[in-house]
Amino acid sequence: MFWSFSDSMSTQLSQFIAGIILARILSPEEFGLIGMITVFVSISQSISDGGFGDALIRKKDASEADYSTAFYFNLIASAVIFAILWLTAPAVAGFYGRPELVDIERVLAITILINAFGIVQRTQLTKNINFRMHMKVSLTASVVSGVAAIIMALTGFGVWSLVWRSIIRSLIRAVMLWYTNRWVPFVRFSRESFRSLFSFGSKLLISNLIDTLYNNIFLLIIGKFYSASQLGFFTRADQFSRLASRNLTNTVQRVSYPVLSLVQDENTRLREGYRKLLNGTMYITFFLMLGMTAMARPMILTLIGEKWLPSVEYLQLLCLAAALYPLQVLNMNILSIKGRSDLLLKLEIVKKLLAIPVIMLGIFLGIRALLIGMVLHSLVSSFLNSYYSGRLIYYPTADQLRDVMPSFLVALLASLCLLLLKFIPDLPPYVVFSMQVLMMLILAVVFGRFFRLEGYIEIRNIITEKVPWLDRYL
């Protein structure tokens, strides 16, 4: 957990800093152009993986034939998807009415091919719980690609600096994965391995595909029915909210999946392990997301400037929608660990059908209505996921809510304290933002210790085990 969290935070911090610098150099419209293509690239990436990565991690006795088969399948699938993206680029550009998107989509599609070469190596590192090496690979790729993009933006490359940032990051990551893992596939494709992996992975593939489509459909709607600048404001706000919620969740998920898979048949141990993860993750998430909601305006003004001010309201609503994201994903993780990819797929279909009214709100009533709908949809999805996973490990929704509610109430109280700083007269935004960040960190520790919240105790134990000298402060 420590190394996975360090990997995620260091990598995302480097990307965050690069993104702030690029946001000051480039325009919202240029970020919006990338947002228009993101939906197609993200969906393509989900298809190329095929769910084989999760299937390999869950399979206790994965063989060399399994790994080789997954490798060749990913290569073939990625090549087909690359060809489709290349051929459909003019149609996508015509859909948005932006001819420049033809070349942008075709070049960005190269990342699908590059990523396919590292899927098995990345899966093996995860299965072996080697997140220290994960961190070295991810951080190096993020820093180098970020520096390259900033240099290109300063020299007038415009939107292409964002395109090449993605390509350079994928290329460095793939090369380092091959160099550090030193795994070479057999020259053999096993039909038996393919059937075994596909029977489980195919349902995850469809589920991930539906989820990816839902997460990116808003980019499609805003890009089609509104301006590229408005899409740029949305994508920047979305990236801020993802930095806290989604990246933290992915950190916990990729550690917990291989570890909890080892005790998938022992419900008592599985439930207790999941309960610890849920408490710790939701404590951090509530503080980050509610805190970011409170300090959205001074944060935007301080970090990326006044030209991005319209993204403040987007960020606040996105933070509320993302506050329950870990609860959704970790419960879905339990379904996957228990081998119920069929139930996971059914749930994804139901939840996305419930999202149709949200999408219609965005088309007819505007972006604000769309974001409010996302908040409500997040709430409903959390209840659905926790209900079905809770039945499998005897940890019902009511018990999950009872465990995380104290963290929510404490984080809400802390965010209200942050809001009070805004009423101090004549303070520049950067001073208000600095004071709010410092106060949030202090209150997270003080409230956690005073109320002896389980989530705080779990996080404290993880940190002090690796950094003992922090014990006196936490």
Protein backbone atom coordinates (compact mmCIF):
# COMPACT_ATOMS: atom_id res chain seq x y z
CA MET A 1 0.00 0.00 0.00
CA PHE A 2 2.82 2.40 0.90
CA TRP A 3 4.64 1.91 -2.42
CA SER A 4 1.45 1.93 -4.46
CA PHE A 5 0.36 5.18 -2.81
CA SER A 6 3.85 6.65 -3.34
CA ASP A 7 3.69 5.60 -6.99
CA SER A 8 0.30 7.20 -7.55
CA MET A 9 0.98 10.40 -5.64
CA SER A 10 4.46 11.05 -7.07
CA THR A 11 3.31 10.29 -10.61
CA GLN A 12 0.15 12.33 -10.34
CA LEU A 13 1.96 15.19 -8.63
CA SER A 14 4.43 15.40 -11.51
CA GLN A 15 1.57 15.32 -14.03
CA PHE A 16 -0.35 17.84 -11.94
CA ILE A 17 2.55 20.30 -11.91
CA ALA A 18 3.12 19.85 -15.64
CA GLY A 19 -0.62 20.33 -16.22
CA ILE A 20 -0.64 23.59 -14.25
CA ILE A 21 2.27 24.96 -16.29
CA LEU A 22 0.69 23.84 -19.56
CA ALA A 23 -2.66 25.39 -18.54
CA ARG A 24 -0.92 28.75 -18.11
CA ILE A 25 0.70 28.47 -21.56
CA LEU A 26 -2.10 26.91 -23.60
CA SER A 27 -5.73 27.95 -24.01
CA PRO A 28 -8.90 26.20 -22.76
CA GLU A 29 -9.79 25.53 -26.41
CA GLU A 30 -6.59 23.54 -26.97
CA PHE A 31 -7.35 21.38 -23.93
CA GLY A 32 -10.88 21.02 -25.27
CA LEU A 33 -9.61 19.60 -28.57
CA ILE A 34 -7.82 16.82 -26.70
CA GLY A 35 -10.97 16.23 -24.64
CA MET A 36 -12.94 15.62 -27.85
CA ILE A 37 -10.64 12.74 -28.78
CA THR A 38 -10.18 11.33 -25.28
CA VAL A 39 -13.46 9.42 -25.34
CA PHE A 40 -12.42 7.43 -28.44
CA VAL A 41 -8.89 6.73 -27.24
CA SER A 42 -10.06 5.68 -23.75
CA ILE A 43 -12.65 3.27 -25.13
CA SER A 44 -10.08 1.82 -27.52
CA GLN A 45 -7.63 1.28 -24.67
CA SER A 46 -10.25 -0.65 -22.68
CA ILE A 47 -10.97 -2.91 -25.64
CA SER A 48 -7.30 -3.63 -26.35
CA ASP A 49 -6.74 -4.94 -22.80
CA GLY A 50 -9.67 -7.31 -23.15
CA GLY A 51 -9.93 -7.84 -19.40
CA PHE A 52 -7.02 -10.28 -19.64
CA GLY A 53 -4.90 -8.32 -17.15
CA ASP A 54 -7.43 -8.77 -14.32
CA ALA A 55 -7.99 -12.39 -15.33
CA LEU A 56 -4.24 -13.11 -15.06
CA ILE A 57 -4.00 -11.44 -11.65
CA ARG A 58 -6.94 -13.40 -10.27
CA LYS A 59 -5.71 -16.75 -11.67
CA LYS A 60 -3.59 -18.30 -8.93
CA ASP A 61 -1.69 -20.69 -11.23
CA ALA A 62 -1.14 -18.50 -14.31
CA SER A 63 1.32 -20.21 -16.69
CA GLU A 64 3.76 -18.92 -19.27
CA ALA A 65 1.28 -20.00 -21.93
CA ASP A 66 -1.35 -17.78 -20.30
CA TYR A 67 0.95 -14.75 -20.28
CA SER A 68 2.08 -15.31 -23.89
CA THR A 69 -1.47 -15.78 -25.12
CA ALA A 70 -2.58 -12.57 -23.41
CA PHE A 71 0.40 -10.72 -24.92
CA TYR A 72 -0.36 -11.78 -28.50
CA PHE A 73 -4.09 -11.14 -28.10
CA ASN A 74 -3.39 -7.62 -26.87
CA LEU A 75 -1.08 -6.92 -29.80
CA ILE A 76 -3.59 -8.16 -32.37
CA ALA A 77 -6.50 -6.32 -30.75
CA SER A 78 -4.49 -3.09 -30.52
CA ALA A 79 -3.46 -3.28 -34.19
CA VAL A 80 -7.10 -3.71 -35.25
CA ILE A 81 -8.23 -0.83 -33.02
CA PHE A 82 -5.45 1.42 -34.32
CA ALA A 83 -6.62 0.76 -37.89
CA ILE A 84 -10.22 1.57 -36.94
CA LEU A 85 -9.22 4.85 -35.28
CA TRP A 86 -7.11 5.79 -38.30
CA LEU A 87 -9.95 5.12 -40.75
CA THR A 88 -12.68 6.79 -38.68
CA ALA A 89 -10.71 9.95 -37.86
CA PRO A 90 -12.35 12.00 -40.68
CA ALA A 91 -15.82 10.99 -39.43
CA VAL A 92 -14.97 12.03 -35.87
CA ALA A 93 -13.63 15.37 -37.08
CA GLY A 94 -16.82 15.86 -39.12
CA PHE A 95 -18.98 15.05 -36.08
CA TYR A 96 -17.37 17.88 -34.11
CA GLY A 97 -16.88 20.16 -37.12
CA ARG A 98 -13.13 20.47 -36.37
CA PRO A 99 -10.96 19.30 -39.32
CA GLU A 100 -7.75 19.48 -37.25
CA LEU A 101 -8.94 16.51 -35.21
CA VAL A 102 -8.13 14.10 -38.07
CA ASP A 103 -4.37 14.29 -37.55
CA ILE A 104 -4.68 14.58 -33.77
CA GLU A 105 -6.70 11.35 -33.47
CA ARG A 106 -4.43 9.43 -35.84
CA VAL A 107 -1.29 10.37 -33.96
CA LEU A 108 -2.83 9.79 -30.52
CA ALA A 109 -3.95 6.33 -31.66
CA ILE A 110 -0.27 5.30 -31.67
CA THR A 111 -0.45 5.15 -27.87
CA ILE A 112 -2.81 2.15 -28.18
CA LEU A 113 -0.12 0.18 -30.01
CA ILE A 114 2.65 1.24 -27.64
CA ASN A 115 0.68 0.39 -24.49
CA ALA A 116 -0.09 -3.11 -25.78
CA PHE A 117 3.60 -4.04 -25.51
CA GLY A 118 3.64 -3.41 -21.77
CA ILE A 119 0.31 -4.84 -20.56
CA VAL A 120 1.66 -8.27 -19.52
CA GLN A 121 4.77 -6.82 -17.86
CA ARG A 122 2.62 -4.37 -15.90
CA THR A 123 0.27 -7.20 -14.92
CA GLN A 124 3.16 -9.31 -13.63
CA LEU A 125 4.45 -6.46 -11.46
CA THR A 126 0.96 -6.03 -10.01
CA LYS A 127 0.48 -9.76 -9.44
CA ASN A 128 3.84 -9.90 -7.64
CA ILE A 129 2.86 -6.75 -5.64
CA ASN A 130 6.04 -5.03 -6.86
CA PHE A 131 4.75 -1.45 -6.67
CA ARG A 132 8.18 -0.04 -5.94
CA MET A 133 9.16 -0.80 -9.53
CA HIS A 134 5.77 0.49 -10.68
CA MET A 135 6.66 3.83 -9.11
CA LYS A 136 10.05 4.08 -10.84
CA VAL A 137 8.54 3.37 -14.24
CA SER A 138 5.50 5.64 -13.89
CA LEU A 139 7.34 8.56 -12.31
CA THR A 140 10.13 8.56 -14.90
CA ALA A 141 7.64 8.46 -17.77
CA SER A 142 5.53 11.25 -16.27
CA VAL A 143 8.43 13.59 -15.51
CA VAL A 144 10.16 13.20 -18.89
CA SER A 145 6.93 13.52 -20.90
CA GLY A 146 5.82 16.52 -18.82
CA VAL A 147 9.11 18.38 -19.36
CA ALA A 148 9.02 17.60 -23.07
CA ALA A 149 5.44 18.89 -23.36
CA ILE A 150 6.27 22.14 -21.55
CA ILE A 151 9.25 22.77 -23.83
CA MET A 152 7.08 22.10 -26.90
CA ALA A 153 4.32 24.40 -25.60
CA LEU A 154 6.80 27.22 -25.00
CA THR A 155 8.17 26.84 -28.53
CA GLY A 156 4.76 27.14 -30.18
CA PHE A 157 3.55 23.57 -30.71
CA GLY A 158 0.16 24.38 -29.18
CA VAL A 159 -2.21 21.43 -28.88
CA TRP A 160 0.47 19.09 -30.28
CA SER A 161 2.47 19.46 -27.09
CA LEU A 162 -0.41 17.64 -25.32
CA VAL A 163 -0.50 14.95 -28.02
CA TRP A 164 3.20 14.22 -27.86
CA ARG A 165 3.09 14.23 -24.08
CA SER A 166 0.85 11.14 -24.21
CA ILE A 167 3.01 9.39 -26.81
CA ILE A 168 6.29 10.04 -24.99
CA ARG A 169 4.81 8.88 -21.67
CA SER A 170 3.53 5.62 -23.22
CA LEU A 171 6.80 4.96 -25.03
CA ILE A 172 9.03 5.48 -21.98
CA ARG A 173 6.75 3.35 -19.81
CA ALA A 174 6.73 0.45 -22.31
CA VAL A 175 10.53 0.50 -22.74
CA MET A 176 11.15 0.59 -18.98
CA LEU A 177 8.67 -2.23 -18.32
CA TRP A 178 10.52 -4.46 -20.79
CA TYR A 179 13.89 -3.50 -19.36
CA THR A 180 12.98 -3.95 -15.69
CA ASN A 181 10.76 -7.04 -15.93
CA ARG A 182 12.81 -8.98 -18.52
CA TRP A 183 9.88 -11.20 -19.53
CA VAL A 184 9.84 -12.57 -23.09
CA PRO A 185 6.75 -14.29 -24.54
CA PHE A 186 6.77 -17.81 -25.97
CA VAL A 187 6.28 -18.04 -29.72
CA ARG A 188 2.99 -19.78 -29.07
CA PHE A 189 -0.70 -18.92 -28.82
CA SER A 190 -2.69 -21.32 -26.63
CA ARG A 191 -6.36 -21.76 -27.45
CA GLU A 192 -6.95 -23.36 -24.06
CA SER A 193 -5.40 -20.38 -22.26
CA PHE A 194 -7.38 -17.98 -24.42
CA ARG A 195 -10.69 -19.69 -23.56
CA SER A 196 -9.83 -19.73 -19.86
CA LEU A 197 -8.87 -16.06 -19.73
CA PHE A 198 -11.62 -14.92 -22.06
CA SER A 199 -14.42 -16.62 -20.09
CA PHE A 200 -13.65 -14.35 -17.13
CA GLY A 201 -12.02 -11.39 -18.88
CA SER A 202 -14.70 -10.88 -21.53
CA LYS A 203 -17.31 -9.92 -18.94
CA LEU A 204 -14.83 -7.55 -17.31
CA LEU A 205 -14.03 -6.16 -20.76
CA ILE A 206 -17.67 -5.33 -21.46
CA SER A 207 -18.11 -3.95 -17.94
CA ASN A 208 -14.98 -1.77 -18.21
CA LEU A 209 -16.02 -0.68 -21.68
CA ILE A 210 -19.44 0.44 -20.44
CA ASP A 211 -17.86 2.25 -17.50
CA THR A 212 -15.26 3.95 -19.71
CA LEU A 213 -17.95 5.01 -22.16
CA TYR A 214 -20.01 6.50 -19.33
CA ASN A 215 -17.03 8.34 -17.83
CA ASN A 216 -16.17 9.87 -21.20
CA ILE A 217 -19.61 10.37 -22.75
CA PHE A 218 -19.79 13.78 -21.08
CA LEU A 219 -16.76 14.88 -23.08
CA LEU A 220 -18.62 13.83 -26.22
CA ILE A 221 -21.78 15.71 -25.25
CA ILE A 222 -20.03 18.92 -24.19
CA GLY A 223 -17.74 18.83 -27.23
CA LYS A 224 -20.69 18.35 -29.60
CA PHE A 225 -23.32 20.67 -28.11
CA TYR A 226 -21.11 23.33 -26.55
CA SER A 227 -17.82 25.06 -27.37
CA ALA A 228 -14.29 23.68 -27.24
CA SER A 229 -13.51 26.26 -24.53
CA GLN A 230 -16.33 24.97 -22.30
CA LEU A 231 -15.02 21.46 -22.81
CA GLY A 232 -11.58 22.73 -21.83
CA PHE A 233 -13.00 24.14 -18.59
CA PHE A 234 -14.71 20.81 -17.90
CA THR A 235 -11.63 18.68 -18.61
CA ARG A 236 -9.43 20.86 -16.39
CA ALA A 237 -11.95 20.62 -13.52
CA ASP A 238 -12.27 16.88 -14.11
CA GLN A 239 -8.50 16.43 -13.92
CA PHE A 240 -8.37 18.27 -10.61
CA SER A 241 -11.09 16.07 -9.12
CA ARG A 242 -9.54 12.88 -10.52
CA LEU A 243 -6.22 13.73 -8.94
CA ALA A 244 -7.75 13.15 -5.53
CA SER A 245 -10.54 10.61 -5.89
CA ARG A 246 -9.85 8.34 -8.84
CA ASN A 247 -6.11 8.11 -8.41
CA LEU A 248 -6.39 7.30 -4.73
CA THR A 249 -9.00 4.65 -5.53
CA ASN A 250 -6.89 3.13 -8.30
CA THR A 251 -3.95 3.01 -5.90
CA VAL A 252 -5.93 1.03 -3.34
CA GLN A 253 -7.66 -1.10 -5.96
CA ARG A 254 -4.53 -2.38 -7.66
CA VAL A 255 -3.00 -3.35 -4.31
CA SER A 256 -6.14 -4.88 -2.81
CA TYR A 257 -7.09 -6.91 -5.89
CA PRO A 258 -4.10 -9.31 -5.94
CA VAL A 259 -3.86 -9.39 -2.13
CA LEU A 260 -7.54 -10.04 -1.42
CA SER A 261 -7.68 -12.53 -4.30
CA LEU A 262 -5.43 -14.76 -2.19
CA VAL A 263 -8.20 -15.05 0.43
CA GLN A 264 -11.12 -15.02 -1.99
CA ASP A 265 -12.54 -18.22 -0.44
CA GLU A 266 -12.26 -17.00 3.20
CA ASN A 267 -15.12 -14.57 3.70
CA THR A 268 -14.16 -13.54 7.24
CA ARG A 269 -10.63 -12.49 6.28
CA LEU A 270 -11.85 -10.99 3.02
CA ARG A 271 -14.51 -8.91 4.79
CA GLU A 272 -12.11 -7.65 7.45
CA GLY A 273 -9.46 -6.74 4.89
CA TYR A 274 -12.01 -4.94 2.75
CA ARG A 275 -13.42 -3.10 5.76
CA LYS A 276 -9.97 -1.71 6.63
CA LEU A 277 -9.40 -0.59 3.05
CA LEU A 278 -12.81 1.06 2.86
CA ASN A 279 -12.42 3.00 6.11
CA GLY A 280 -8.96 4.31 5.26
CA THR A 281 -9.77 5.17 1.66
CA MET A 282 -13.01 6.99 2.45
CA TYR A 283 -11.39 9.02 5.24
CA ILE A 284 -8.82 10.45 2.82
CA THR A 285 -11.34 10.83 0.00
CA PHE A 286 -13.92 12.75 2.03
CA PHE A 287 -11.30 15.19 3.30
CA LEU A 288 -9.82 15.73 -0.17
CA MET A 289 -13.06 16.04 -2.11
CA LEU A 290 -15.04 18.14 0.37
CA GLY A 291 -11.93 20.22 1.06
CA MET A 292 -11.40 20.83 -2.66
CA THR A 293 -15.05 21.86 -2.96
CA ALA A 294 -14.50 24.50 -0.28
CA MET A 295 -11.30 25.92 -1.75
CA ALA A 296 -12.08 25.57 -5.48
CA ARG A 297 -12.04 29.28 -6.34
CA PRO A 298 -8.75 30.33 -4.66
CA MET A 299 -7.17 27.09 -5.91
CA ILE A 300 -8.09 27.74 -9.54
CA LEU A 301 -6.98 31.39 -9.36
CA THR A 302 -3.68 30.47 -7.69
CA LEU A 303 -2.69 27.48 -9.80
CA ILE A 304 -3.88 28.13 -13.35
CA GLY A 305 -5.08 31.73 -13.45
CA GLU A 306 -8.17 33.83 -13.97
CA LYS A 307 -8.82 32.63 -17.53
CA TRP A 308 -9.88 29.25 -16.03
CA LEU A 309 -12.34 30.79 -13.52
CA PRO A 310 -15.47 29.29 -15.20
CA SER A 311 -14.19 25.83 -14.22
CA VAL A 312 -14.72 26.57 -10.49
CA GLU A 313 -18.40 25.55 -10.44
CA TYR A 314 -17.62 22.49 -12.57
CA LEU A 315 -14.94 21.45 -10.10
CA GLN A 316 -17.19 21.82 -7.05
CA LEU A 317 -19.93 19.63 -8.51
CA LEU A 318 -17.46 17.07 -9.86
CA CYS A 319 -15.89 16.79 -6.40
CA LEU A 320 -19.28 15.99 -4.88
CA ALA A 321 -19.89 13.36 -7.56
CA ALA A 322 -16.44 11.83 -7.01
CA ALA A 323 -16.65 11.70 -3.20
CA LEU A 324 -18.37 8.29 -3.32
CA TYR A 325 -16.31 6.93 -6.22
CA PRO A 326 -14.07 4.73 -3.99
CA LEU A 327 -17.14 3.16 -2.40
CA GLN A 328 -18.39 2.21 -5.87
CA VAL A 329 -15.12 0.83 -7.22
CA LEU A 330 -14.00 -1.10 -4.15
CA ASN A 331 -17.37 -2.83 -3.96
CA MET A 332 -17.07 -3.76 -7.63
CA ASN A 333 -13.62 -5.08 -6.81
CA ILE A 334 -15.21 -7.56 -4.40
CA LEU A 335 -17.47 -8.89 -7.16
CA SER A 336 -14.43 -9.44 -9.37
CA ILE A 337 -12.45 -11.12 -6.57
CA LYS A 338 -15.35 -13.49 -5.89
CA GLY A 339 -15.45 -14.40 -9.57
CA ARG A 340 -18.84 -12.78 -10.19
CA SER A 341 -17.94 -10.94 -13.36
CA ASP A 342 -21.43 -11.84 -14.64
CA LEU A 343 -23.07 -9.88 -11.81
CA LEU A 344 -20.57 -7.06 -12.26
CA LEU A 345 -21.55 -6.77 -15.92
CA LYS A 346 -25.28 -6.76 -15.12
CA LEU A 347 -24.76 -4.00 -12.56
CA GLU A 348 -22.82 -1.88 -15.04
CA ILE A 349 -25.62 -2.20 -17.59
CA VAL A 350 -28.29 -1.21 -15.06
CA LYS A 351 -26.30 1.78 -13.77
CA LYS A 352 -25.58 3.08 -17.24
CA LEU A 353 -29.22 2.78 -18.22
CA LEU A 354 -29.96 4.95 -15.19
CA ALA A 355 -27.46 7.45 -16.58
CA ILE A 356 -29.53 8.11 -19.71
CA PRO A 357 -31.67 10.80 -17.96
CA VAL A 358 -28.43 12.44 -16.78
CA ILE A 359 -27.18 12.61 -20.35
CA MET A 360 -30.49 14.08 -21.54
CA LEU A 361 -30.24 16.75 -18.84
CA GLY A 362 -26.87 17.78 -20.25
CA ILE A 363 -28.17 18.00 -23.80
CA PHE A 364 -31.31 20.01 -23.07
CA LEU A 365 -30.65 21.91 -19.82
CA GLY A 366 -26.93 22.67 -19.89
CA ILE A 367 -23.68 21.63 -18.24
CA ARG A 368 -24.76 22.56 -14.70
CA ALA A 369 -27.78 20.25 -14.89
CA LEU A 370 -25.52 17.53 -16.29
CA LEU A 371 -23.15 17.80 -13.32
CA ILE A 372 -25.98 17.78 -10.75
CA GLY A 373 -27.26 14.63 -12.44
CA MET A 374 -23.81 13.08 -12.10
CA VAL A 375 -23.90 13.70 -8.34
CA LEU A 376 -27.26 11.94 -8.01
CA HIS A 377 -26.15 9.07 -10.26
CA SER A 378 -23.03 8.58 -8.14
CA LEU A 379 -25.19 8.26 -5.02
CA VAL A 380 -27.49 5.65 -6.60
CA SER A 381 -24.54 3.68 -8.02
CA SER A 382 -22.87 3.51 -4.62
CA PHE A 383 -25.97 1.95 -3.04
CA LEU A 384 -26.35 -0.61 -5.84
CA ASN A 385 -22.71 -1.72 -5.73
CA SER A 386 -22.56 -2.00 -1.95
CA TYR A 387 -25.81 -3.98 -1.81
CA TYR A 388 -24.68 -6.81 -4.09
CA SER A 389 -21.05 -7.06 -2.97
CA GLY A 390 -22.17 -6.87 0.67
CA ARG A 391 -24.32 -9.96 0.19
CA LEU A 392 -21.31 -11.95 -1.01
CA ILE A 393 -19.08 -11.21 2.02
CA TYR A 394 -21.81 -10.51 4.62
CA TYR A 395 -21.00 -6.81 4.84
CA PRO A 396 -24.34 -5.10 4.03
CA THR A 397 -24.81 -1.54 2.84
CA ALA A 398 -26.04 -0.37 6.24
CA ASP A 399 -22.83 -1.59 7.90
CA GLN A 400 -20.67 0.04 5.23
CA LEU A 401 -22.47 3.37 5.65
CA ARG A 402 -22.21 3.09 9.43
CA ASP A 403 -18.45 2.65 9.10
CA VAL A 404 -17.81 5.56 6.71
CA MET A 405 -20.37 8.08 8.03
CA PRO A 406 -18.13 9.39 10.88
CA SER A 407 -15.41 10.20 8.33
CA PHE A 408 -17.93 12.06 6.17
CA LEU A 409 -19.26 14.16 9.05
CA VAL A 410 -15.77 15.07 10.26
CA ALA A 411 -14.65 15.99 6.73
CA LEU A 412 -17.80 18.09 6.26
CA LEU A 413 -17.05 19.98 9.47
CA ALA A 414 -13.47 20.58 8.32
CA SER A 415 -14.63 21.89 4.91
CA LEU A 416 -16.96 24.37 6.63
CA CYS A 417 -13.98 25.62 8.62
CA LEU A 418 -12.08 26.12 5.34
CA LEU A 419 -14.92 28.23 3.96
CA LEU A 420 -14.62 30.66 6.87
CA LEU A 421 -11.16 31.71 5.64
CA LYS A 422 -12.74 33.19 2.51
CA PHE A 423 -14.40 35.88 4.60
CA ILE A 424 -11.12 37.36 5.84
CA PRO A 425 -10.93 40.70 3.94
CA ASP A 426 -8.16 41.81 1.56
CA LEU A 427 -6.32 38.48 1.32
CA PRO A 428 -4.92 37.48 -2.10
CA PRO A 429 -6.21 34.14 -3.48
CA TYR A 430 -2.82 32.42 -3.08
CA VAL A 431 -2.74 33.33 0.63
CA VAL A 432 -6.28 32.01 1.18
CA PHE A 433 -5.46 28.82 -0.74
CA SER A 434 -2.24 28.23 1.24
CA MET A 435 -4.05 28.74 4.54
CA GLN A 436 -6.85 26.39 3.48
CA VAL A 437 -4.45 23.60 2.49
CA LEU A 438 -2.56 23.90 5.77
CA MET A 439 -5.78 23.97 7.79
CA MET A 440 -7.14 20.90 5.98
CA LEU A 441 -3.99 18.88 6.79
CA ILE A 442 -4.06 19.95 10.43
CA LEU A 443 -7.77 19.23 10.86
CA ALA A 444 -7.43 15.80 9.20
CA VAL A 445 -4.93 14.82 11.89
CA VAL A 446 -6.55 16.62 14.84
CA PHE A 447 -10.08 15.38 14.15
CA GLY A 448 -8.86 11.85 13.38
CA ARG A 449 -6.97 11.63 16.67
CA PHE A 450 -9.66 13.34 18.76
CA PHE A 451 -12.52 11.16 17.50
CA ARG A 452 -10.27 8.08 17.11
CA LEU A 453 -11.73 7.29 13.70
CA GLU A 454 -10.87 3.86 12.30
CA GLY A 455 -10.06 5.24 8.87
CA TYR A 456 -7.52 7.65 10.31
CA ILE A 457 -5.95 4.92 12.47
CA GLU A 458 -5.51 2.64 9.45
CA ILE A 459 -3.78 5.38 7.46
CA ARG A 460 -1.62 6.35 10.43
CA ASN A 461 -0.46 2.75 10.90
CA ILE A 462 0.52 2.44 7.23
CA ILE A 463 2.50 5.69 7.26
CA THR A 464 4.29 5.25 10.60
CA GLU A 465 5.29 1.69 9.76
CA LYS A 466 7.37 3.02 6.86
CA VAL A 467 8.24 6.43 8.35
CA PRO A 468 8.52 5.86 12.14
CA TRP A 469 9.60 9.42 13.01
CA LEU A 470 6.17 10.71 11.94
CA ASP A 471 4.57 8.80 14.82
CA ARG A 472 4.94 11.75 17.22
CA TYR A 473 3.10 14.08 14.81
CA LEU A 474 0.29 11.69 13.77
